[in-house]
Amino acid sequence: MQNQVHSIQSSRFPNQPTSGGAVCIALDENELAIRWGLSVKTLRRWRQEQLGPIYCKLGRRVTYLLHEIEAFERRVSRYSSFTRAYQ
């Protein structure tokens, strides 16, 4: 169980091992806001409006799994401005 706790802890460099040697698999809302250049308030509004990537919430703590973040980024990425992001 202790290994799972370390693997969920977030760091500024998600693909780098943490001090315990575990790889980070999730980002908190502050780290995701930095990654995307958004405000935390925008991410909170997206959650309220059911937009954005799938998140996990335990109590007041909100985390986003890296594979969900990457899946969302693939869904909304486009080759040109002519292509619709949401289909």
N, C-alpha and C. Protein backbone atom coordinates (compact mmCIF):
# COMPACT_ATOMS: atom_id res chain seq x y z
N MET A 1 0.82 -1.19 0.00
CA MET A 1 0.00 0.00 0.00
C MET A 1 0.86 1.25 0.00
N GLN A 2 1.99 1.22 0.68
CA GLN A 2 2.85 2.39 0.75
C GLN A 2 3.41 2.73 -0.63
N ASN A 3 3.71 1.74 -1.47
CA ASN A 3 4.20 2.01 -2.82
C ASN A 3 3.15 2.73 -3.65
N GLN A 4 1.87 2.39 -3.46
CA GLN A 4 0.82 3.06 -4.20
C GLN A 4 0.73 4.52 -3.81
N VAL A 5 0.91 4.84 -2.56
CA VAL A 5 0.84 6.22 -2.11
C VAL A 5 1.95 7.01 -2.77
N HIS A 6 3.17 6.46 -2.81
CA HIS A 6 4.28 7.16 -3.43
C HIS A 6 4.08 7.31 -4.93
N SER A 7 3.45 6.34 -5.59
CA SER A 7 3.28 6.41 -7.03
C SER A 7 2.24 7.45 -7.43
N ILE A 8 1.34 7.82 -6.53
CA ILE A 8 0.32 8.80 -6.84
C ILE A 8 0.78 10.21 -6.52
N GLN A 9 1.80 10.34 -5.67
CA GLN A 9 2.29 11.67 -5.34
C GLN A 9 2.78 12.34 -6.60
N SER A 10 2.49 13.62 -6.72
CA SER A 10 2.86 14.34 -7.92
C SER A 10 4.17 15.10 -7.71
N SER A 11 4.82 15.39 -8.81
CA SER A 11 6.03 16.17 -8.80
C SER A 11 6.03 17.08 -10.00
N ARG A 12 6.96 18.00 -10.06
CA ARG A 12 7.03 18.91 -11.20
C ARG A 12 7.41 18.18 -12.48
N PHE A 13 8.11 17.08 -12.36
CA PHE A 13 8.54 16.32 -13.52
C PHE A 13 7.89 14.94 -13.45
N PRO A 14 6.70 14.79 -14.06
CA PRO A 14 5.90 13.59 -13.85
C PRO A 14 6.54 12.29 -14.31
N ASN A 15 7.42 12.31 -15.28
CA ASN A 15 8.01 11.06 -15.76
C ASN A 15 9.28 10.70 -15.03
N GLN A 16 9.70 11.54 -14.10
CA GLN A 16 10.91 11.29 -13.34
C GLN A 16 10.56 10.55 -12.05
N PRO A 17 11.42 9.64 -11.62
CA PRO A 17 11.15 8.95 -10.35
C PRO A 17 11.17 9.93 -9.18
N THR A 18 10.34 9.65 -8.19
CA THR A 18 10.33 10.45 -6.97
C THR A 18 11.48 10.00 -6.08
N SER A 19 11.63 10.62 -4.94
CA SER A 19 12.73 10.28 -4.05
C SER A 19 12.67 8.82 -3.61
N GLY A 20 11.48 8.23 -3.56
CA GLY A 20 11.34 6.83 -3.19
C GLY A 20 11.55 5.88 -4.36
N GLY A 21 11.82 6.41 -5.56
CA GLY A 21 12.06 5.59 -6.73
C GLY A 21 10.80 5.28 -7.53
N ALA A 22 9.63 5.71 -7.07
CA ALA A 22 8.38 5.45 -7.78
C ALA A 22 8.18 6.53 -8.85
N VAL A 23 7.55 6.15 -9.95
CA VAL A 23 7.26 7.08 -11.03
C VAL A 23 5.91 7.74 -10.79
N CYS A 24 5.84 9.03 -10.99
CA CYS A 24 4.60 9.78 -10.78
C CYS A 24 3.59 9.42 -11.88
N ILE A 25 2.36 9.13 -11.49
CA ILE A 25 1.32 8.78 -12.46
C ILE A 25 0.18 9.78 -12.47
N ALA A 26 0.27 10.84 -11.65
CA ALA A 26 -0.83 11.80 -11.57
C ALA A 26 -0.29 13.20 -11.30
N LEU A 27 -1.07 14.19 -11.71
CA LEU A 27 -0.76 15.59 -11.43
C LEU A 27 -1.91 16.18 -10.63
N ASP A 28 -1.60 17.10 -9.74
CA ASP A 28 -2.69 17.80 -9.06
C ASP A 28 -3.12 18.98 -9.93
N GLU A 29 -4.15 19.70 -9.52
CA GLU A 29 -4.70 20.76 -10.37
C GLU A 29 -3.71 21.90 -10.59
N ASN A 30 -2.86 22.17 -9.61
CA ASN A 30 -1.85 23.22 -9.78
C ASN A 30 -0.83 22.84 -10.84
N GLU A 31 -0.37 21.61 -10.82
CA GLU A 31 0.62 21.15 -11.79
C GLU A 31 0.03 21.09 -13.20
N LEU A 32 -1.23 20.67 -13.31
CA LEU A 32 -1.87 20.63 -14.62
C LEU A 32 -2.07 22.04 -15.16
N ALA A 33 -2.43 22.97 -14.29
CA ALA A 33 -2.59 24.36 -14.72
C ALA A 33 -1.27 24.91 -15.26
N ILE A 34 -0.17 24.58 -14.61
CA ILE A 34 1.16 25.00 -15.08
C ILE A 34 1.47 24.34 -16.42
N ARG A 35 1.20 23.05 -16.53
CA ARG A 35 1.49 22.32 -17.77
C ARG A 35 0.77 22.92 -18.96
N TRP A 36 -0.48 23.33 -18.78
CA TRP A 36 -1.29 23.84 -19.88
C TRP A 36 -1.30 25.37 -19.96
N GLY A 37 -0.72 26.06 -18.99
CA GLY A 37 -0.73 27.51 -19.00
C GLY A 37 -2.10 28.10 -18.72
N LEU A 38 -2.87 27.39 -17.91
CA LEU A 38 -4.21 27.83 -17.52
C LEU A 38 -4.21 28.21 -16.05
N SER A 39 -5.30 28.82 -15.62
CA SER A 39 -5.45 29.07 -14.18
C SER A 39 -6.13 27.87 -13.53
N VAL A 40 -5.91 27.71 -12.25
CA VAL A 40 -6.57 26.65 -11.49
C VAL A 40 -8.08 26.87 -11.51
N LYS A 41 -8.48 28.13 -11.50
CA LYS A 41 -9.90 28.47 -11.55
C LYS A 41 -10.55 27.94 -12.82
N THR A 42 -9.84 27.98 -13.94
CA THR A 42 -10.36 27.44 -15.21
C THR A 42 -10.56 25.94 -15.10
N LEU A 43 -9.60 25.22 -14.53
CA LEU A 43 -9.75 23.77 -14.36
C LEU A 43 -10.93 23.45 -13.45
N ARG A 44 -11.11 24.23 -12.41
CA ARG A 44 -12.26 24.01 -11.51
C ARG A 44 -13.58 24.25 -12.23
N ARG A 45 -13.62 25.28 -13.06
CA ARG A 45 -14.84 25.55 -13.83
C ARG A 45 -15.10 24.41 -14.82
N TRP A 46 -14.05 23.92 -15.46
CA TRP A 46 -14.19 22.79 -16.39
C TRP A 46 -14.76 21.58 -15.68
N ARG A 47 -14.30 21.31 -14.46
CA ARG A 47 -14.84 20.16 -13.71
C ARG A 47 -16.32 20.36 -13.42
N GLN A 48 -16.69 21.57 -13.04
CA GLN A 48 -18.08 21.87 -12.73
C GLN A 48 -18.96 21.71 -13.98
N GLU A 49 -18.44 22.09 -15.14
CA GLU A 49 -19.19 22.00 -16.40
C GLU A 49 -18.97 20.67 -17.12
N GLN A 50 -18.26 19.75 -16.47
CA GLN A 50 -17.96 18.42 -17.01
C GLN A 50 -17.19 18.50 -18.33
N LEU A 51 -16.23 19.39 -18.38
CA LEU A 51 -15.31 19.53 -19.50
C LEU A 51 -13.93 19.08 -19.03
N GLY A 52 -12.99 18.99 -19.93
CA GLY A 52 -11.63 18.66 -19.55
C GLY A 52 -11.44 17.18 -19.32
N PRO A 53 -10.25 16.81 -18.85
CA PRO A 53 -9.92 15.39 -18.65
C PRO A 53 -10.63 14.80 -17.44
N ILE A 54 -10.72 13.50 -17.41
CA ILE A 54 -11.30 12.78 -16.27
C ILE A 54 -10.38 12.99 -15.07
N TYR A 55 -10.95 13.18 -13.91
CA TYR A 55 -10.17 13.44 -12.70
C TYR A 55 -10.59 12.48 -11.59
N CYS A 56 -9.74 12.41 -10.57
CA CYS A 56 -10.03 11.62 -9.36
C CYS A 56 -10.13 12.59 -8.20
N LYS A 57 -11.12 12.40 -7.36
CA LYS A 57 -11.29 13.29 -6.22
C LYS A 57 -11.47 12.45 -4.96
N LEU A 58 -10.59 12.67 -4.00
CA LEU A 58 -10.68 12.04 -2.69
C LEU A 58 -10.72 13.16 -1.66
N GLY A 59 -11.86 13.35 -1.06
CA GLY A 59 -12.02 14.49 -0.15
C GLY A 59 -11.93 15.77 -0.95
N ARG A 60 -11.00 16.64 -0.57
CA ARG A 60 -10.80 17.89 -1.30
C ARG A 60 -9.69 17.80 -2.32
N ARG A 61 -8.96 16.69 -2.33
CA ARG A 61 -7.82 16.55 -3.22
C ARG A 61 -8.27 16.08 -4.59
N VAL A 62 -7.85 16.82 -5.62
CA VAL A 62 -8.18 16.49 -7.00
C VAL A 62 -6.89 16.14 -7.72
N THR A 63 -6.88 15.00 -8.39
CA THR A 63 -5.73 14.61 -9.19
C THR A 63 -6.19 14.17 -10.57
N TYR A 64 -5.30 14.31 -11.51
CA TYR A 64 -5.54 13.90 -12.88
C TYR A 64 -4.49 12.86 -13.25
N LEU A 65 -4.93 11.68 -13.66
CA LEU A 65 -3.99 10.64 -14.07
C LEU A 65 -3.34 11.04 -15.39
N LEU A 66 -2.05 10.78 -15.51
CA LEU A 66 -1.32 11.19 -16.71
C LEU A 66 -1.91 10.60 -17.99
N HIS A 67 -2.35 9.35 -17.94
CA HIS A 67 -2.89 8.76 -19.17
C HIS A 67 -4.21 9.41 -19.55
N GLU A 68 -4.97 9.92 -18.59
CA GLU A 68 -6.20 10.65 -18.90
C GLU A 68 -5.89 12.03 -19.47
N ILE A 69 -4.85 12.68 -18.94
CA ILE A 69 -4.42 13.98 -19.47
C ILE A 69 -3.99 13.83 -20.92
N GLU A 70 -3.16 12.82 -21.18
CA GLU A 70 -2.66 12.60 -22.53
C GLU A 70 -3.78 12.22 -23.50
N ALA A 71 -4.75 11.43 -23.04
CA ALA A 71 -5.89 11.07 -23.88
C ALA A 71 -6.70 12.32 -24.23
N PHE A 72 -6.91 13.20 -23.26
CA PHE A 72 -7.64 14.44 -23.51
C PHE A 72 -6.88 15.31 -24.50
N GLU A 73 -5.56 15.41 -24.33
CA GLU A 73 -4.75 16.21 -25.24
C GLU A 73 -4.84 15.67 -26.67
N ARG A 74 -4.87 14.36 -26.83
CA ARG A 74 -5.02 13.77 -28.17
C ARG A 74 -6.40 14.08 -28.76
N ARG A 75 -7.45 14.03 -27.90
CA ARG A 75 -8.81 14.30 -28.39
C ARG A 75 -8.98 15.71 -28.89
N VAL A 76 -8.37 16.68 -28.22
CA VAL A 76 -8.59 18.07 -28.58
C VAL A 76 -7.53 18.64 -29.52
N SER A 77 -6.51 17.85 -29.83
CA SER A 77 -5.48 18.36 -30.75
C SER A 77 -6.01 18.32 -32.17
N ARG A 78 -5.54 19.26 -32.99
CA ARG A 78 -5.98 19.34 -34.38
C ARG A 78 -4.78 19.62 -35.28
N TYR A 79 -4.96 19.30 -36.53
CA TYR A 79 -3.93 19.59 -37.53
C TYR A 79 -4.07 21.00 -38.06
N SER A 80 -5.27 21.53 -38.09
CA SER A 80 -5.48 22.91 -38.56
C SER A 80 -6.68 23.50 -37.82
N SER A 81 -6.88 24.78 -38.00
CA SER A 81 -8.02 25.42 -37.35
C SER A 81 -9.33 25.05 -38.01
N PHE A 82 -9.28 24.44 -39.18
CA PHE A 82 -10.48 24.04 -39.88
C PHE A 82 -11.11 22.79 -39.26
N THR A 83 -10.28 21.92 -38.66
CA THR A 83 -10.75 20.67 -38.07
C THR A 83 -11.44 20.93 -36.74
N ARG A 84 -12.57 20.32 -36.52
CA ARG A 84 -13.27 20.48 -35.25
C ARG A 84 -12.59 19.65 -34.17
N ALA A 85 -12.47 20.20 -32.98
CA ALA A 85 -11.84 19.49 -31.88
C ALA A 85 -12.77 18.47 -31.26
N TYR A 86 -14.04 18.81 -31.12
CA TYR A 86 -15.00 17.93 -30.46
C TYR A 86 -15.96 17.38 -31.51
N GLN A 87 -15.96 16.07 -31.67
CA GLN A 87 -16.84 15.46 -32.66
C GLN A 87 -17.71 14.42 -32.03
